Amino acid sequence: MPPRLRKLIGTVLIIILVLVYALVATTVASATLGASPWYIHLLYFAATGLLWILPAMLIIKWMEKPGKPGGQ
């Protein structure tokens, strides 16, 4: 797969990941953390704010793989 196509697909995947993950994390927080103290909210959003980085790192690692020699 050409590197430019791989980067385009990876960029789209990261955008979808971030949007879906943010919506799910916020929905879960709204449904379960309504009466919780502020420090529980802080811990939850700190953890979920960092958790999406793991799949994004894998996508970026895949995007940065060199292309096949010969341009194919």
PDB file of N, CA and C in Angstrom:
ATOM      1  N   MET A   1       0.857  -1.168   0.000  1.00  0.00           N
ATOM      2  CA  MET A   1       0.000   0.000   0.000  1.00  0.00           C
ATOM      3  C   MET A   1       0.906   1.234   0.000  1.00  0.00           C
ATOM      4  N   PRO A   2       0.621   2.184  -0.857  1.00  0.00           N
ATOM      5  CA  PRO A   2       1.437   3.396  -0.899  1.00  0.00           C
ATOM      6  C   PRO A   2       1.340   4.168   0.424  1.00  0.00           C
ATOM      7  N   PRO A   3       2.442   4.780   0.830  1.00  0.00           N
ATOM      8  CA  PRO A   3       2.434   5.512   2.106  1.00  0.00           C
ATOM      9  C   PRO A   3       1.388   6.629   2.165  1.00  0.00           C
ATOM     10  N   ARG A   4       1.142   7.294   1.065  1.00  0.00           N
ATOM     11  CA  ARG A   4       0.159   8.382   1.085  1.00  0.00           C
ATOM     12  C   ARG A   4      -1.248   7.857   1.359  1.00  0.00           C
ATOM     13  N   LEU A   5      -1.587   6.728   0.768  1.00  0.00           N
ATOM     14  CA  LEU A   5      -2.899   6.118   1.001  1.00  0.00           C
ATOM     15  C   LEU A   5      -3.005   5.626   2.439  1.00  0.00           C
ATOM     16  N   ARG A   6      -1.924   5.036   2.947  1.00  0.00           N
ATOM     17  CA  ARG A   6      -1.910   4.553   4.324  1.00  0.00           C
ATOM     18  C   ARG A   6      -2.106   5.717   5.300  1.00  0.00           C
ATOM     19  N   LYS A   7      -1.480   6.861   5.014  1.00  0.00           N
ATOM     20  CA  LYS A   7      -1.633   8.030   5.886  1.00  0.00           C
ATOM     21  C   LYS A   7      -3.039   8.607   5.805  1.00  0.00           C
ATOM     22  N   LEU A   8      -3.638   8.599   4.630  1.00  0.00           N
ATOM     23  CA  LEU A   8      -5.011   9.071   4.488  1.00  0.00           C
ATOM     24  C   LEU A   8      -5.977   8.191   5.274  1.00  0.00           C
ATOM     25  N   ILE A   9      -5.839   6.878   5.124  1.00  0.00           N
ATOM     26  CA  ILE A   9      -6.707   5.953   5.845  1.00  0.00           C
ATOM     27  C   ILE A   9      -6.491   6.082   7.345  1.00  0.00           C
ATOM     28  N   GLY A  10      -5.240   6.186   7.779  1.00  0.00           N
ATOM     29  CA  GLY A  10      -4.936   6.344   9.200  1.00  0.00           C
ATOM     30  C   GLY A  10      -5.513   7.623   9.780  1.00  0.00           C
ATOM     31  N   THR A  11      -5.442   8.706   9.037  1.00  0.00           N
ATOM     32  CA  THR A  11      -6.002   9.974   9.499  1.00  0.00           C
ATOM     33  C   THR A  11      -7.509   9.876   9.685  1.00  0.00           C
ATOM     34  N   VAL A  12      -8.178   9.265   8.729  1.00  0.00           N
ATOM     35  CA  VAL A  12      -9.629   9.088   8.833  1.00  0.00           C
ATOM     36  C   VAL A  12      -9.966   8.193  10.029  1.00  0.00           C
ATOM     37  N   LEU A  13      -9.195   7.119  10.224  1.00  0.00           N
ATOM     38  CA  LEU A  13      -9.438   6.233  11.361  1.00  0.00           C
ATOM     39  C   LEU A  13      -9.248   6.943  12.696  1.00  0.00           C
ATOM     40  N   ILE A  14      -8.232   7.778  12.797  1.00  0.00           N
ATOM     41  CA  ILE A  14      -7.999   8.510  14.046  1.00  0.00           C
ATOM     42  C   ILE A  14      -9.132   9.490  14.314  1.00  0.00           C
ATOM     43  N   ILE A  15      -9.598  10.176  13.285  1.00  0.00           N
ATOM     44  CA  ILE A  15     -10.716  11.111  13.467  1.00  0.00           C
ATOM     45  C   ILE A  15     -11.958  10.368  13.938  1.00  0.00           C
ATOM     46  N   ILE A  16     -12.257   9.245  13.318  1.00  0.00           N
ATOM     47  CA  ILE A  16     -13.423   8.452  13.731  1.00  0.00           C
ATOM     48  C   ILE A  16     -13.235   7.947  15.157  1.00  0.00           C
ATOM     49  N   LEU A  17     -12.037   7.458  15.475  1.00  0.00           N
ATOM     50  CA  LEU A  17     -11.748   6.978  16.832  1.00  0.00           C
ATOM     51  C   LEU A  17     -11.992   8.060  17.869  1.00  0.00           C
ATOM     52  N   VAL A  18     -11.477   9.239  17.624  1.00  0.00           N
ATOM     53  CA  VAL A  18     -11.616  10.329  18.591  1.00  0.00           C
ATOM     54  C   VAL A  18     -13.078  10.731  18.758  1.00  0.00           C
ATOM     55  N   LEU A  19     -13.799  10.857  17.660  1.00  0.00           N
ATOM     56  CA  LEU A  19     -15.201  11.266  17.751  1.00  0.00           C
ATOM     57  C   LEU A  19     -16.051  10.229  18.481  1.00  0.00           C
ATOM     58  N   VAL A  20     -15.926   8.980  18.090  1.00  0.00           N
ATOM     59  CA  VAL A  20     -16.723   7.922  18.710  1.00  0.00           C
ATOM     60  C   VAL A  20     -16.335   7.752  20.173  1.00  0.00           C
ATOM     61  N   TYR A  21     -15.043   7.762  20.447  1.00  0.00           N
ATOM     62  CA  TYR A  21     -14.573   7.578  21.818  1.00  0.00           C
ATOM     63  C   TYR A  21     -15.045   8.720  22.718  1.00  0.00           C
ATOM     64  N   ALA A  22     -14.986   9.947  22.229  1.00  0.00           N
ATOM     65  CA  ALA A  22     -15.434  11.089  23.027  1.00  0.00           C
ATOM     66  C   ALA A  22     -16.930  11.006  23.317  1.00  0.00           C
ATOM     67  N   LEU A  23     -17.710  10.623  22.319  1.00  0.00           N
ATOM     68  CA  LEU A  23     -19.150  10.501  22.531  1.00  0.00           C
ATOM     69  C   LEU A  23     -19.480   9.397  23.530  1.00  0.00           C
ATOM     70  N   VAL A  24     -18.814   8.259  23.412  1.00  0.00           N
ATOM     71  CA  VAL A  24     -19.065   7.153  24.339  1.00  0.00           C
ATOM     72  C   VAL A  24     -18.617   7.511  25.748  1.00  0.00           C
ATOM     73  N   ALA A  25     -17.433   8.088  25.892  1.00  0.00           N
ATOM     74  CA  ALA A  25     -16.927   8.447  27.221  1.00  0.00           C
ATOM     75  C   ALA A  25     -17.824   9.483  27.893  1.00  0.00           C
ATOM     76  N   THR A  26     -18.304  10.448  27.152  1.00  0.00           N
ATOM     77  CA  THR A  26     -19.178  11.466  27.721  1.00  0.00           C
ATOM     78  C   THR A  26     -20.544  10.894  28.070  1.00  0.00           C
ATOM     79  N   THR A  27     -21.065  10.016  27.231  1.00  0.00           N
ATOM     80  CA  THR A  27     -22.352   9.382  27.513  1.00  0.00           C
ATOM     81  C   THR A  27     -22.277   8.523  28.771  1.00  0.00           C
ATOM     82  N   VAL A  28     -21.213   7.749  28.900  1.00  0.00           N
ATOM     83  CA  VAL A  28     -21.036   6.923  30.094  1.00  0.00           C
ATOM     84  C   VAL A  28     -20.904   7.809  31.333  1.00  0.00           C
ATOM     85  N   ALA A  29     -20.159   8.888  31.220  1.00  0.00           N
ATOM     86  CA  ALA A  29     -19.998   9.795  32.360  1.00  0.00           C
ATOM     87  C   ALA A  29     -21.333  10.429  32.743  1.00  0.00           C
ATOM     88  N   SER A  30     -22.096  10.845  31.766  1.00  0.00           N
ATOM     89  CA  SER A  30     -23.390  11.466  32.058  1.00  0.00           C
ATOM     90  C   SER A  30     -24.355  10.478  32.705  1.00  0.00           C
ATOM     91  N   ALA A  31     -24.302   9.230  32.277  1.00  0.00           N
ATOM     92  CA  ALA A  31     -25.234   8.230  32.790  1.00  0.00           C
ATOM     93  C   ALA A  31     -24.843   7.705  34.164  1.00  0.00           C
ATOM     94  N   THR A  32     -23.562   7.692  34.482  1.00  0.00           N
ATOM     95  CA  THR A  32     -23.132   7.037  35.717  1.00  0.00           C
ATOM     96  C   THR A  32     -22.536   7.961  36.773  1.00  0.00           C
ATOM     97  N   LEU A  33     -22.043   9.114  36.389  1.00  0.00           N
ATOM     98  CA  LEU A  33     -21.326   9.953  37.344  1.00  0.00           C
ATOM     99  C   LEU A  33     -22.100  11.187  37.801  1.00  0.00           C
ATOM    100  N   GLY A  34     -23.390  11.194  37.615  1.00  0.00           N
ATOM    101  CA  GLY A  34     -24.172  12.384  37.915  1.00  0.00           C
ATOM    102  C   GLY A  34     -24.055  12.869  39.351  1.00  0.00           C
ATOM    103  N   ALA A  35     -24.096  11.979  40.307  1.00  0.00           N
ATOM    104  CA  ALA A  35     -24.078  12.376  41.718  1.00  0.00           C
ATOM    105  C   ALA A  35     -22.712  12.169  42.367  1.00  0.00           C
ATOM    106  N   SER A  36     -21.711  11.861  41.589  1.00  0.00           N
ATOM    107  CA  SER A  36     -20.380  11.603  42.140  1.00  0.00           C
ATOM    108  C   SER A  36     -19.668  12.906  42.487  1.00  0.00           C
ATOM    109  N   PRO A  37     -18.733  12.850  43.429  1.00  0.00           N
ATOM    110  CA  PRO A  37     -17.957  14.049  43.774  1.00  0.00           C
ATOM    111  C   PRO A  37     -17.016  14.462  42.634  1.00  0.00           C
ATOM    112  N   TRP A  38     -16.504  15.661  42.754  1.00  0.00           N
ATOM    113  CA  TRP A  38     -15.683  16.238  41.689  1.00  0.00           C
ATOM    114  C   TRP A  38     -14.424  15.421  41.422  1.00  0.00           C
ATOM    115  N   TYR A  39     -13.833  14.843  42.443  1.00  0.00           N
ATOM    116  CA  TYR A  39     -12.585  14.115  42.225  1.00  0.00           C
ATOM    117  C   TYR A  39     -12.811  12.814  41.460  1.00  0.00           C
ATOM    118  N   ILE A  40     -13.989  12.230  41.551  1.00  0.00           N
ATOM    119  CA  ILE A  40     -14.314  11.055  40.737  1.00  0.00           C
ATOM    120  C   ILE A  40     -14.421  11.468  39.269  1.00  0.00           C
ATOM    121  N   HIS A  41     -15.041  12.602  39.021  1.00  0.00           N
ATOM    122  CA  HIS A  41     -15.118  13.134  37.656  1.00  0.00           C
ATOM    123  C   HIS A  41     -13.714  13.390  37.115  1.00  0.00           C
ATOM    124  N   LEU A  42     -12.869  13.977  37.940  1.00  0.00           N
ATOM    125  CA  LEU A  42     -11.496  14.271  37.528  1.00  0.00           C
ATOM    126  C   LEU A  42     -10.755  12.991  37.161  1.00  0.00           C
ATOM    127  N   LEU A  43     -10.840  11.978  38.002  1.00  0.00           N
ATOM    128  CA  LEU A  43     -10.172  10.709  37.729  1.00  0.00           C
ATOM    129  C   LEU A  43     -10.717  10.041  36.462  1.00  0.00           C
ATOM    130  N   TYR A  44     -12.048  10.056  36.326  1.00  0.00           N
ATOM    131  CA  TYR A  44     -12.666   9.422  35.160  1.00  0.00           C
ATOM    132  C   TYR A  44     -12.211  10.100  33.868  1.00  0.00           C
ATOM    133  N   PHE A  45     -12.302  11.421  33.825  1.00  0.00           N
ATOM    134  CA  PHE A  45     -11.953  12.116  32.590  1.00  0.00           C
ATOM    135  C   PHE A  45     -10.450  12.116  32.339  1.00  0.00           C
ATOM    136  N   ALA A  46      -9.629  12.065  33.384  1.00  0.00           N
ATOM    137  CA  ALA A  46      -8.183  11.929  33.179  1.00  0.00           C
ATOM    138  C   ALA A  46      -7.865  10.557  32.571  1.00  0.00           C
ATOM    139  N   ALA A  47      -8.496   9.521  33.108  1.00  0.00           N
ATOM    140  CA  ALA A  47      -8.248   8.166  32.593  1.00  0.00           C
ATOM    141  C   ALA A  47      -8.774   8.015  31.170  1.00  0.00           C
ATOM    142  N   THR A  48      -9.998   8.437  30.928  1.00  0.00           N
ATOM    143  CA  THR A  48     -10.549   8.287  29.580  1.00  0.00           C
ATOM    144  C   THR A  48      -9.883   9.243  28.590  1.00  0.00           C
ATOM    145  N   GLY A  49      -9.384  10.354  29.088  1.00  0.00           N
ATOM    146  CA  GLY A  49      -8.666  11.278  28.213  1.00  0.00           C
ATOM    147  C   GLY A  49      -7.341  10.723  27.739  1.00  0.00           C
ATOM    148  N   LEU A  50      -6.741   9.846  28.518  1.00  0.00           N
ATOM    149  CA  LEU A  50      -5.468   9.243  28.136  1.00  0.00           C
ATOM    150  C   LEU A  50      -5.632   7.888  27.448  1.00  0.00           C
ATOM    151  N   LEU A  51      -6.746   7.231  27.665  1.00  0.00           N
ATOM    152  CA  LEU A  51      -6.937   5.873  27.168  1.00  0.00           C
ATOM    153  C   LEU A  51      -7.023   5.789  25.643  1.00  0.00           C
ATOM    154  N   TRP A  52      -7.534   6.818  24.990  1.00  0.00           N
ATOM    155  CA  TRP A  52      -7.675   6.769  23.536  1.00  0.00           C
ATOM    156  C   TRP A  52      -6.322   6.828  22.830  1.00  0.00           C
ATOM    157  N   ILE A  53      -5.283   7.220  23.567  1.00  0.00           N
ATOM    158  CA  ILE A  53      -3.960   7.352  22.960  1.00  0.00           C
ATOM    159  C   ILE A  53      -3.405   5.996  22.534  1.00  0.00           C
ATOM    160  N   LEU A  54      -3.744   4.929  23.263  1.00  0.00           N
ATOM    161  CA  LEU A  54      -3.209   3.603  22.938  1.00  0.00           C
ATOM    162  C   LEU A  54      -3.595   3.135  21.531  1.00  0.00           C
ATOM    163  N   PRO A  55      -4.889   3.130  21.159  1.00  0.00           N
ATOM    164  CA  PRO A  55      -5.197   2.730  19.778  1.00  0.00           C
ATOM    165  C   PRO A  55      -4.691   3.738  18.748  1.00  0.00           C
ATOM    166  N   ALA A  56      -4.634   5.021  19.125  1.00  0.00           N
ATOM    167  CA  ALA A  56      -4.118   6.022  18.185  1.00  0.00           C
ATOM    168  C   ALA A  56      -2.635   5.781  17.907  1.00  0.00           C
ATOM    169  N   MET A  57      -1.886   5.363  18.924  1.00  0.00           N
ATOM    170  CA  MET A  57      -0.464   5.062  18.713  1.00  0.00           C
ATOM    171  C   MET A  57      -0.288   3.902  17.742  1.00  0.00           C
ATOM    172  N   LEU A  58      -1.140   2.891  17.863  1.00  0.00           N
ATOM    173  CA  LEU A  58      -1.051   1.757  16.940  1.00  0.00           C
ATOM    174  C   LEU A  58      -1.360   2.173  15.506  1.00  0.00           C
ATOM    175  N   ILE A  59      -2.354   3.044  15.352  1.00  0.00           N
ATOM    176  CA  ILE A  59      -2.698   3.524  14.011  1.00  0.00           C
ATOM    177  C   ILE A  59      -1.548   4.352  13.443  1.00  0.00           C
ATOM    178  N   ILE A  60      -0.957   5.214  14.252  1.00  0.00           N
ATOM    179  CA  ILE A  60       0.160   6.047  13.782  1.00  0.00           C
ATOM    180  C   ILE A  60       1.360   5.180  13.436  1.00  0.00           C
ATOM    181  N   LYS A  61       1.628   4.157  14.239  1.00  0.00           N
ATOM    182  CA  LYS A  61       2.734   3.244  13.939  1.00  0.00           C
ATOM    183  C   LYS A  61       2.500   2.556  12.597  1.00  0.00           C
ATOM    184  N   TRP A  62       1.253   2.140  12.330  1.00  0.00           N
ATOM    185  CA  TRP A  62       0.915   1.514  11.054  1.00  0.00           C
ATOM    186  C   TRP A  62       1.073   2.508   9.908  1.00  0.00           C
ATOM    187  N   MET A  63       0.668   3.773  10.141  1.00  0.00           N
ATOM    188  CA  MET A  63       0.755   4.794   9.106  1.00  0.00           C
ATOM    189  C   MET A  63       2.212   5.072   8.707  1.00  0.00           C
ATOM    190  N   GLU A  64       3.117   4.982   9.654  1.00  0.00           N
ATOM    191  CA  GLU A  64       4.506   5.360   9.409  1.00  0.00           C
ATOM    192  C   GLU A  64       5.378   4.240   8.859  1.00  0.00           C
ATOM    193  N   LYS A  65       4.798   3.058   8.654  1.00  0.00           N
ATOM    194  CA  LYS A  65       5.583   1.969   8.066  1.00  0.00           C
ATOM    195  C   LYS A  65       6.056   2.398   6.671  1.00  0.00           C
ATOM    196  N   PRO A  66       7.301   2.078   6.344  1.00  0.00           N
ATOM    197  CA  PRO A  66       7.770   2.457   5.000  1.00  0.00           C
ATOM    198  C   PRO A  66       7.059   1.661   3.917  1.00  0.00           C
ATOM    199  N   GLY A  67       6.960   2.259   2.765  1.00  0.00           N
ATOM    200  CA  GLY A  67       6.341   1.587   1.632  1.00  0.00           C
ATOM    201  C   GLY A  67       7.249   0.519   1.063  1.00  0.00           C
ATOM    202  N   LYS A  68       6.705  -0.313   0.207  1.00  0.00           N
ATOM    203  CA  LYS A  68       7.487  -1.365  -0.430  1.00  0.00           C
ATOM    204  C   LYS A  68       8.477  -0.737  -1.402  1.00  0.00           C
ATOM    205  N   PRO A  69       9.671  -1.324  -1.524  1.00  0.00           N
ATOM    206  CA  PRO A  69      10.628  -0.804  -2.516  1.00  0.00           C
ATOM    207  C   PRO A  69      10.056  -0.953  -3.925  1.00  0.00           C
ATOM    208  N   GLY A  70      10.336   0.009  -4.741  1.00  0.00           N
ATOM    209  CA  GLY A  70       9.838  -0.040  -6.109  1.00  0.00           C
ATOM    210  C   GLY A  70       8.560   0.757  -6.313  1.00  0.00           C
ATOM    211  N   GLY A  71       8.057   1.396  -5.247  1.00  0.00           N
ATOM    212  CA  GLY A  71       6.883   2.244  -5.356  1.00  0.00           C
ATOM    213  C   GLY A  71       5.560   1.518  -5.395  1.00  0.00           C
ATOM    214  N   GLN A  72       5.534   0.256  -5.020  1.00  0.00           N
ATOM    215  CA  GLN A  72       4.262  -0.471  -5.084  1.00  0.00           C
ATOM    216  C   GLN A  72       3.790  -0.870  -3.748  1.00  0.00           C
TER     217      GLN A  72
END
